[in-house]
Amino acid sequence: MAQGVGTRPRGAGRAQLHETALRLFARDGVEGTSLQSIADDMGVTKAAVYYHYRSKDDLVLGVLAPLFEELDALITRTEAHRGRQARLDEFLTGIVGLIVDGHSRFAVFAGDPYVGRLIMSHHDLLHWFHRIVAAVGADTDVPGRAALLIFLSGMTAPLKDAGVSGLPTAEQRHLLLECGRRLLQVRRR
């Protein structure tokens, strides 16, 4: 069935919902963002939000689904490399790309306590973490594991600083990649 002039393409409502929810989650936190506030910001009824998702948890997972897919693909690419240095470099390059290119989504994923609790009950984040630890060779290296944890827990913080966030994207990438390489002792290629 062809769409008429002026009608939105299928899925446009969900895409707008994701965009609005992500913006409000980043600004107010997930806990501080109600479905009603999302609906109000979009100029629709709360029922319109419920048309797409049964609950706030389902909406949060829907907003973060692209990031989950990208993380899984990154870990798979990392695991495909043979040497530890190559795996570390693949992981760092990929995770920095996710941070810089999708900062709002990644910041909500990595920094919001509501999301942390939700992910632990809906997605096997612990499995992803174990895959990352094994892929970068930190499974038997306690200092390496500590460095990885420090990097993972603080990687979005620099982009909250006006001096770093004001840099061009390529410079942000370079800066975060160099910090990660220093912390995880990855040699340059």
Protein backbone atom coordinates (compact mmCIF):
# COMPACT_ATOMS: atom_id res chain seq x y z
CA MET A 1 0.00 0.00 0.00
CA ALA A 2 1.47 3.34 -1.05
CA GLN A 3 1.73 6.11 1.47
CA GLY A 4 -0.07 9.33 0.78
CA VAL A 5 1.57 12.72 0.48
CA GLY A 6 2.33 14.16 3.90
CA THR A 7 2.19 10.85 5.76
CA ARG A 8 5.16 9.72 7.75
CA PRO A 9 6.94 6.52 6.75
CA ARG A 10 6.30 3.44 8.84
CA GLY A 11 8.52 3.51 11.92
CA ALA A 12 8.89 7.30 11.93
CA GLY A 13 6.88 7.54 15.15
CA ARG A 14 9.12 5.05 16.89
CA ALA A 15 12.25 6.81 15.62
CA GLN A 16 10.96 10.15 16.93
CA LEU A 17 10.07 8.47 20.23
CA HIS A 18 13.61 7.08 20.53
CA GLU A 19 15.16 10.44 19.69
CA THR A 20 12.99 12.30 22.20
CA ALA A 21 13.46 9.70 24.94
CA LEU A 22 17.24 9.65 24.47
CA ARG A 23 17.44 13.44 24.65
CA LEU A 24 15.38 13.52 27.85
CA PHE A 25 17.25 10.54 29.35
CA ALA A 26 20.55 12.33 28.71
CA ARG A 27 19.27 15.58 30.18
CA ASP A 28 17.21 14.34 33.17
CA GLY A 29 18.38 10.77 33.69
CA VAL A 30 16.20 7.75 33.02
CA GLU A 31 14.77 7.76 36.54
CA GLY A 32 13.83 11.44 36.17
CA THR A 33 12.11 10.98 32.82
CA SER A 34 8.53 9.76 32.83
CA LEU A 35 6.62 8.37 29.88
CA GLN A 36 4.27 11.33 30.33
CA SER A 37 7.15 13.81 30.00
CA ILE A 38 8.26 12.07 26.80
CA ALA A 39 4.71 12.19 25.43
CA ASP A 40 4.37 15.86 26.40
CA ASP A 41 7.66 16.74 24.71
CA MET A 42 6.53 14.95 21.56
CA GLY A 43 3.08 16.57 21.65
CA VAL A 44 1.28 13.21 21.81
CA THR A 45 -0.70 11.31 24.40
CA LYS A 46 0.85 8.82 26.78
CA ALA A 47 -1.23 6.17 24.99
CA ALA A 48 0.77 6.93 21.83
CA VAL A 49 3.96 6.01 23.71
CA TYR A 50 2.31 2.81 24.99
CA TYR A 51 1.41 1.96 21.39
CA HIS A 52 5.13 1.36 20.79
CA TYR A 53 6.25 0.04 24.20
CA ARG A 54 4.47 -1.70 27.07
CA SER A 55 6.67 -0.14 29.74
CA LYS A 56 9.41 2.36 30.41
CA ASP A 57 11.90 -0.52 30.71
CA ASP A 58 10.95 -1.73 27.22
CA LEU A 59 11.39 1.81 25.87
CA VAL A 60 14.84 2.16 27.46
CA LEU A 61 15.91 -1.19 25.98
CA GLY A 62 14.50 -0.15 22.60
CA VAL A 63 16.46 3.11 22.66
CA LEU A 64 19.66 1.26 23.57
CA ALA A 65 19.16 -1.71 21.18
CA PRO A 66 21.37 -0.26 18.40
CA LEU A 67 24.18 0.23 20.91
CA PHE A 68 23.82 -3.37 22.16
CA GLU A 69 24.13 -4.59 18.57
CA GLU A 70 27.21 -2.43 17.97
CA LEU A 71 28.84 -3.62 21.21
CA ASP A 72 28.26 -7.24 20.30
CA ALA A 73 29.73 -6.71 16.83
CA LEU A 74 32.74 -4.90 18.34
CA ILE A 75 33.44 -7.75 20.74
CA THR A 76 33.14 -10.28 17.89
CA ARG A 77 35.61 -8.24 15.77
CA THR A 78 37.95 -7.98 18.74
CA GLU A 79 37.84 -11.74 19.36
CA ALA A 80 38.72 -12.41 15.71
CA HIS A 81 42.24 -10.97 16.08
CA ARG A 82 45.07 -13.32 17.02
CA GLY A 83 47.46 -11.20 19.06
CA ARG A 84 46.75 -9.37 22.31
CA GLN A 85 47.96 -6.01 20.98
CA ALA A 86 45.77 -6.32 17.89
CA ARG A 87 42.73 -7.26 20.02
CA LEU A 88 43.36 -4.34 22.39
CA ASP A 89 43.75 -1.92 19.50
CA GLU A 90 40.57 -3.21 17.80
CA PHE A 91 38.63 -2.91 21.04
CA LEU A 92 39.92 0.58 21.88
CA THR A 93 39.36 1.91 18.37
CA GLY A 94 35.84 0.47 18.31
CA ILE A 95 34.79 1.57 21.78
CA VAL A 96 36.16 5.08 21.24
CA GLY A 97 34.15 5.23 18.02
CA LEU A 98 31.00 4.22 19.88
CA ILE A 99 31.68 6.82 22.56
CA VAL A 100 32.39 9.70 20.20
CA ASP A 101 29.78 8.90 17.52
CA GLY A 102 26.97 8.02 19.90
CA HIS A 103 27.93 9.96 22.99
CA SER A 104 24.37 10.54 24.28
CA ARG A 105 23.35 6.93 23.87
CA PHE A 106 26.63 5.62 25.27
CA ALA A 107 26.54 8.04 28.22
CA VAL A 108 23.03 6.84 29.12
CA PHE A 109 24.19 3.24 28.77
CA ALA A 110 27.38 3.63 30.79
CA GLY A 111 26.43 6.22 33.34
CA ASP A 112 22.79 5.91 34.33
CA PRO A 113 22.14 3.75 37.44
CA TYR A 114 18.60 2.92 36.26
CA VAL A 115 20.03 1.54 33.03
CA GLY A 116 22.68 -0.44 34.92
CA ARG A 117 20.01 -2.19 36.98
CA LEU A 118 17.82 -2.76 33.93
CA ILE A 119 20.61 -4.20 31.82
CA MET A 120 21.67 -6.62 34.54
CA SER A 121 18.15 -8.06 34.51
CA HIS A 122 17.53 -8.01 30.74
CA HIS A 123 20.86 -8.34 28.97
CA ASP A 124 23.82 -10.45 29.80
CA LEU A 125 26.16 -7.51 30.33
CA LEU A 126 28.34 -9.65 32.56
CA HIS A 127 28.81 -12.07 29.65
CA TRP A 128 29.88 -9.15 27.42
CA PHE A 129 32.32 -8.00 30.08
CA HIS A 130 33.83 -11.49 30.38
CA ARG A 131 34.14 -11.66 26.60
CA ILE A 132 35.93 -8.28 26.56
CA VAL A 133 38.25 -9.29 29.42
CA ALA A 134 39.16 -12.54 27.65
CA ALA A 135 39.52 -10.89 24.24
CA VAL A 136 41.95 -8.24 25.47
CA GLY A 137 43.91 -10.76 27.53
CA ALA A 138 43.04 -9.33 30.94
CA ASP A 139 41.49 -12.56 32.27
CA THR A 140 44.72 -13.64 34.01
CA ASP A 141 46.32 -10.20 34.30
CA VAL A 142 44.96 -8.50 37.45
CA PRO A 143 46.60 -5.09 36.78
CA GLY A 144 45.36 -5.27 33.17
CA ARG A 145 41.86 -6.09 34.39
CA ALA A 146 41.96 -3.13 36.81
CA ALA A 147 43.12 -0.81 34.00
CA LEU A 148 40.33 -2.09 31.75
CA LEU A 149 37.75 -1.47 34.50
CA ILE A 150 39.07 2.05 35.08
CA PHE A 151 38.91 2.77 31.36
CA LEU A 152 35.41 1.30 30.93
CA SER A 153 33.98 3.10 33.94
CA GLY A 154 35.35 6.53 33.04
CA MET A 155 35.40 6.60 29.27
CA THR A 156 32.50 9.02 28.76
CA ALA A 157 33.66 11.53 31.38
CA PRO A 158 36.08 13.44 29.12
CA LEU A 159 33.28 14.32 26.69
CA LYS A 160 31.43 16.06 29.52
CA ASP A 161 34.30 18.54 29.80
CA ALA A 162 33.82 21.67 27.68
CA GLY A 163 37.47 21.67 26.61
CA VAL A 164 37.27 18.13 25.24
CA SER A 165 33.70 18.19 23.96
CA GLY A 166 34.46 21.37 22.02
CA LEU A 167 37.21 19.67 20.04
CA PRO A 168 36.53 18.42 16.50
CA THR A 169 35.41 14.79 16.39
CA ALA A 170 38.71 13.55 14.95
CA GLU A 171 40.62 15.16 17.82
CA GLN A 172 38.21 13.70 20.39
CA ARG A 173 38.81 10.25 18.88
CA HIS A 174 42.57 10.71 18.93
CA LEU A 175 42.60 11.97 22.52
CA LEU A 176 40.42 9.17 23.90
CA LEU A 177 42.30 6.53 21.92
CA GLU A 178 45.67 7.76 23.21
CA CYS A 179 44.37 7.82 26.80
CA GLY A 180 43.08 4.27 26.42
CA ARG A 181 46.33 3.10 24.85
CA ARG A 182 48.36 4.58 27.68
CA LEU A 183 46.14 3.12 30.36
CA LEU A 184 45.99 -0.33 28.75
CA GLN A 185 49.58 -0.15 27.45
CA VAL A 186 48.73 -0.70 23.80
CA ARG A 187 51.56 -0.06 21.35
CA ARG A 188 50.77 1.98 18.27
CA ARG A 189 50.58 0.20 14.96
